[in-house]
Amino acid sequence: MGVNTAGNVYFEANIQDPHKLEITEQGKGTTYKKILCAAFDLAIIINYSKKSYFRFVYHDGVFEGLDNRMKARFYDCIKRLTIENNIQYIFTAIQDDLIRDKSGKIVDHPELHFALKLNDEGPEGKLFLMDY
């Protein structure tokens, strides 16, 4: 933890091998750091969930580059935390980053509520119903 040049607190998290106490290759990559950042956001919102504070968190591309097993575990964790703490989790993902079963088919999660599935098939699938 430290303070950056703008005076804001920043956190540094590394993943260490428990035996060698060296930073692992996973710790050097962005995938695990992305999950740690998402977990940090969730921890803050859960801590304040009983107070007058935001009750939602939004992450763009949180499943990007994750192994399918990690996506499934992270999703199950999010589902449990949102129910237990009465918070809303909003995420965006491209179709290729959604959780898939062993045959490669996208896993259906009936509890997910899609506000909009974006596509290029016409104005109905575009953000704000228009081209930019």
C-alpha atoms as a PDB file:
ATOM      1  CA  MET A   1       0.000   0.000   0.000  1.00  0.00           C
ATOM      2  CA  GLY A   2       1.185   3.493  -0.726  1.00  0.00           C
ATOM      3  CA  VAL A   3       0.160   6.935  -1.937  1.00  0.00           C
ATOM      4  CA  ASN A   4       0.424   7.906  -5.587  1.00  0.00           C
ATOM      5  CA  THR A   5       1.450  11.325  -6.938  1.00  0.00           C
ATOM      6  CA  ALA A   6      -2.172  12.533  -6.820  1.00  0.00           C
ATOM      7  CA  GLY A   7      -2.363  11.743  -3.095  1.00  0.00           C
ATOM      8  CA  ASN A   8      -4.639   8.705  -3.562  1.00  0.00           C
ATOM      9  CA  VAL A   9      -4.092   5.429  -1.770  1.00  0.00           C
ATOM     10  CA  TYR A  10      -3.120   2.502  -3.975  1.00  0.00           C
ATOM     11  CA  PHE A  11      -2.824  -1.132  -3.047  1.00  0.00           C
ATOM     12  CA  GLU A  12      -0.333  -3.645  -4.326  1.00  0.00           C
ATOM     13  CA  ALA A  13      -1.279  -7.307  -4.180  1.00  0.00           C
ATOM     14  CA  ASN A  14       0.939 -10.159  -5.197  1.00  0.00           C
ATOM     15  CA  ILE A  15       0.369 -13.884  -5.216  1.00  0.00           C
ATOM     16  CA  GLN A  16       3.161 -15.765  -3.503  1.00  0.00           C
ATOM     17  CA  ASP A  17       4.170 -19.380  -3.519  1.00  0.00           C
ATOM     18  CA  PRO A  18       3.534 -20.435   0.113  1.00  0.00           C
ATOM     19  CA  HIS A  19       6.727 -22.494   0.253  1.00  0.00           C
ATOM     20  CA  LYS A  20       9.257 -20.351  -1.605  1.00  0.00           C
ATOM     21  CA  LEU A  21       7.657 -16.987  -0.701  1.00  0.00           C
ATOM     22  CA  GLU A  22       8.325 -15.801  -4.240  1.00  0.00           C
ATOM     23  CA  ILE A  23       5.813 -13.988  -6.420  1.00  0.00           C
ATOM     24  CA  THR A  24       4.256 -16.539  -8.769  1.00  0.00           C
ATOM     25  CA  GLU A  25       3.710 -16.141 -12.492  1.00  0.00           C
ATOM     26  CA  GLN A  26      -0.001 -15.681 -11.738  1.00  0.00           C
ATOM     27  CA  GLY A  27       0.956 -12.795  -9.454  1.00  0.00           C
ATOM     28  CA  LYS A  28       2.813 -11.123 -12.296  1.00  0.00           C
ATOM     29  CA  GLY A  29      -0.160 -11.348 -14.652  1.00  0.00           C
ATOM     30  CA  THR A  30      -3.293  -9.252 -14.947  1.00  0.00           C
ATOM     31  CA  THR A  31      -5.883 -12.028 -14.577  1.00  0.00           C
ATOM     32  CA  TYR A  32      -5.534 -12.545 -10.847  1.00  0.00           C
ATOM     33  CA  LYS A  33      -5.088  -8.835 -10.213  1.00  0.00           C
ATOM     34  CA  LYS A  34      -8.355  -8.197 -12.043  1.00  0.00           C
ATOM     35  CA  ILE A  35     -10.138 -10.659  -9.741  1.00  0.00           C
ATOM     36  CA  LEU A  36      -8.482  -9.073  -6.694  1.00  0.00           C
ATOM     37  CA  CYS A  37      -9.693  -5.625  -7.798  1.00  0.00           C
ATOM     38  CA  ALA A  38     -13.225  -6.954  -8.282  1.00  0.00           C
ATOM     39  CA  ALA A  39     -13.055  -8.626  -4.852  1.00  0.00           C
ATOM     40  CA  PHE A  40     -11.885  -5.338  -3.314  1.00  0.00           C
ATOM     41  CA  ASP A  41     -14.847  -3.483  -4.872  1.00  0.00           C
ATOM     42  CA  LEU A  42     -17.204  -6.146  -3.547  1.00  0.00           C
ATOM     43  CA  ALA A  43     -15.633  -5.966  -0.077  1.00  0.00           C
ATOM     44  CA  ILE A  44     -16.221  -2.210   0.097  1.00  0.00           C
ATOM     45  CA  ILE A  45     -19.817  -2.412  -1.065  1.00  0.00           C
ATOM     46  CA  ILE A  46     -20.560  -5.317   1.297  1.00  0.00           C
ATOM     47  CA  ASN A  47     -19.020  -3.421   4.212  1.00  0.00           C
ATOM     48  CA  TYR A  48     -21.316  -0.457   3.530  1.00  0.00           C
ATOM     49  CA  SER A  49     -24.378  -2.467   2.434  1.00  0.00           C
ATOM     50  CA  LYS A  50     -26.272  -1.761   5.674  1.00  0.00           C
ATOM     51  CA  LYS A  51     -25.615   1.974   5.447  1.00  0.00           C
ATOM     52  CA  SER A  52     -26.760   4.684   3.059  1.00  0.00           C
ATOM     53  CA  TYR A  53     -24.293   3.847   0.327  1.00  0.00           C
ATOM     54  CA  PHE A  54     -24.225   2.407  -3.158  1.00  0.00           C
ATOM     55  CA  ARG A  55     -25.738  -1.061  -3.358  1.00  0.00           C
ATOM     56  CA  PHE A  56     -24.365  -2.045  -6.728  1.00  0.00           C
ATOM     57  CA  VAL A  57     -21.016  -2.588  -8.384  1.00  0.00           C
ATOM     58  CA  TYR A  58     -20.216  -2.620 -12.098  1.00  0.00           C
ATOM     59  CA  HIS A  59     -17.340  -4.411 -13.810  1.00  0.00           C
ATOM     60  CA  ASP A  60     -16.583  -4.384 -17.519  1.00  0.00           C
ATOM     61  CA  GLY A  61     -14.862  -7.466 -18.913  1.00  0.00           C
ATOM     62  CA  VAL A  62     -14.245  -9.140 -15.559  1.00  0.00           C
ATOM     63  CA  PHE A  63     -14.425 -12.605 -17.186  1.00  0.00           C
ATOM     64  CA  GLU A  64     -11.973 -11.677 -19.961  1.00  0.00           C
ATOM     65  CA  GLY A  65      -9.042 -14.059 -20.142  1.00  0.00           C
ATOM     66  CA  LEU A  66     -10.166 -16.183 -17.209  1.00  0.00           C
ATOM     67  CA  ASP A  67     -10.084 -19.942 -17.253  1.00  0.00           C
ATOM     68  CA  ASN A  68     -13.617 -21.347 -17.501  1.00  0.00           C
ATOM     69  CA  ARG A  69     -13.353 -22.951 -14.030  1.00  0.00           C
ATOM     70  CA  MET A  70     -12.344 -19.612 -12.503  1.00  0.00           C
ATOM     71  CA  LYS A  71     -15.254 -17.889 -14.275  1.00  0.00           C
ATOM     72  CA  ALA A  72     -17.675 -20.420 -12.786  1.00  0.00           C
ATOM     73  CA  ARG A  73     -16.226 -20.106  -9.257  1.00  0.00           C
ATOM     74  CA  PHE A  74     -16.193 -16.309  -9.429  1.00  0.00           C
ATOM     75  CA  TYR A  75     -19.759 -16.248 -10.729  1.00  0.00           C
ATOM     76  CA  ASP A  76     -20.944 -18.586  -7.935  1.00  0.00           C
ATOM     77  CA  CYS A  77     -19.208 -16.363  -5.380  1.00  0.00           C
ATOM     78  CA  ILE A  78     -20.843 -13.233  -6.812  1.00  0.00           C
ATOM     79  CA  LYS A  79     -24.258 -14.897  -6.800  1.00  0.00           C
ATOM     80  CA  ARG A  80     -23.872 -15.896  -3.134  1.00  0.00           C
ATOM     81  CA  LEU A  81     -22.575 -12.468  -2.049  1.00  0.00           C
ATOM     82  CA  THR A  82     -25.309 -10.526  -3.815  1.00  0.00           C
ATOM     83  CA  ILE A  83     -28.022 -12.622  -2.173  1.00  0.00           C
ATOM     84  CA  GLU A  84     -26.453 -12.516   1.300  1.00  0.00           C
ATOM     85  CA  ASN A  85     -25.815  -8.758   1.208  1.00  0.00           C
ATOM     86  CA  ASN A  86     -28.732  -7.506  -0.890  1.00  0.00           C
ATOM     87  CA  ILE A  87     -26.482  -5.853  -3.463  1.00  0.00           C
ATOM     88  CA  GLN A  88     -26.579  -5.806  -7.245  1.00  0.00           C
ATOM     89  CA  TYR A  89     -23.692  -6.927  -9.428  1.00  0.00           C
ATOM     90  CA  ILE A  90     -23.590  -5.589 -12.974  1.00  0.00           C
ATOM     91  CA  PHE A  91     -21.112  -6.867 -15.525  1.00  0.00           C
ATOM     92  CA  THR A  92     -20.567  -6.676 -19.238  1.00  0.00           C
ATOM     93  CA  ALA A  93     -19.054  -9.464 -21.275  1.00  0.00           C
ATOM     94  CA  ILE A  94     -18.702 -10.453 -24.864  1.00  0.00           C
ATOM     95  CA  GLN A  95     -20.212 -13.785 -25.834  1.00  0.00           C
ATOM     96  CA  ASP A  96     -16.814 -15.484 -26.062  1.00  0.00           C
ATOM     97  CA  ASP A  97     -16.103 -14.720 -22.389  1.00  0.00           C
ATOM     98  CA  LEU A  98     -19.267 -16.272 -20.937  1.00  0.00           C
ATOM     99  CA  ILE A  99     -19.096 -19.505 -18.921  1.00  0.00           C
ATOM    100  CA  ARG A 100     -19.273 -22.632 -21.077  1.00  0.00           C
ATOM    101  CA  ASP A 101     -19.956 -26.286 -20.338  1.00  0.00           C
ATOM    102  CA  LYS A 102     -17.646 -29.134 -21.374  1.00  0.00           C
ATOM    103  CA  SER A 103     -19.189 -29.279 -24.850  1.00  0.00           C
ATOM    104  CA  GLY A 104     -18.521 -25.542 -25.389  1.00  0.00           C
ATOM    105  CA  LYS A 105     -22.148 -24.417 -25.048  1.00  0.00           C
ATOM    106  CA  ILE A 106     -22.817 -21.245 -23.043  1.00  0.00           C
ATOM    107  CA  VAL A 107     -24.104 -22.178 -19.583  1.00  0.00           C
ATOM    108  CA  ASP A 108     -27.598 -20.861 -18.966  1.00  0.00           C
ATOM    109  CA  HIS A 109     -28.025 -18.910 -15.734  1.00  0.00           C
ATOM    110  CA  PRO A 110     -31.767 -18.265 -15.356  1.00  0.00           C
ATOM    111  CA  GLU A 111     -31.191 -15.815 -12.504  1.00  0.00           C
ATOM    112  CA  LEU A 112     -29.305 -13.419 -14.783  1.00  0.00           C
ATOM    113  CA  HIS A 113     -31.288 -10.451 -15.971  1.00  0.00           C
ATOM    114  CA  PHE A 114     -30.157  -9.021 -19.267  1.00  0.00           C
ATOM    115  CA  ALA A 115     -30.855  -5.327 -19.703  1.00  0.00           C
ATOM    116  CA  LEU A 116     -29.707  -5.438 -23.303  1.00  0.00           C
ATOM    117  CA  LYS A 117     -27.925  -7.911 -25.513  1.00  0.00           C
ATOM    118  CA  LEU A 118     -25.947  -5.775 -27.921  1.00  0.00           C
ATOM    119  CA  ASN A 119     -25.530  -6.858 -31.536  1.00  0.00           C
ATOM    120  CA  ASP A 120     -25.098  -5.391 -35.005  1.00  0.00           C
ATOM    121  CA  GLU A 121     -28.279  -6.862 -36.456  1.00  0.00           C
ATOM    122  CA  GLY A 122     -30.264  -3.624 -36.312  1.00  0.00           C
ATOM    123  CA  PRO A 123     -30.994  -0.569 -34.173  1.00  0.00           C
ATOM    124  CA  GLU A 124     -32.669  -2.657 -31.429  1.00  0.00           C
ATOM    125  CA  GLY A 125     -29.324  -4.289 -30.599  1.00  0.00           C
ATOM    126  CA  LYS A 126     -27.329  -1.088 -30.423  1.00  0.00           C
ATOM    127  CA  LEU A 127     -26.571   0.998 -27.391  1.00  0.00           C
ATOM    128  CA  PHE A 128     -29.079   3.868 -27.306  1.00  0.00           C
ATOM    129  CA  LEU A 129     -30.599   2.366 -30.479  1.00  0.00           C
ATOM    130  CA  MET A 130     -28.241   4.259 -32.802  1.00  0.00           C
ATOM    131  CA  ASP A 131     -24.919   4.135 -34.643  1.00  0.00           C
ATOM    132  CA  TYR A 132     -22.011   6.265 -33.521  1.00  0.00           C
END
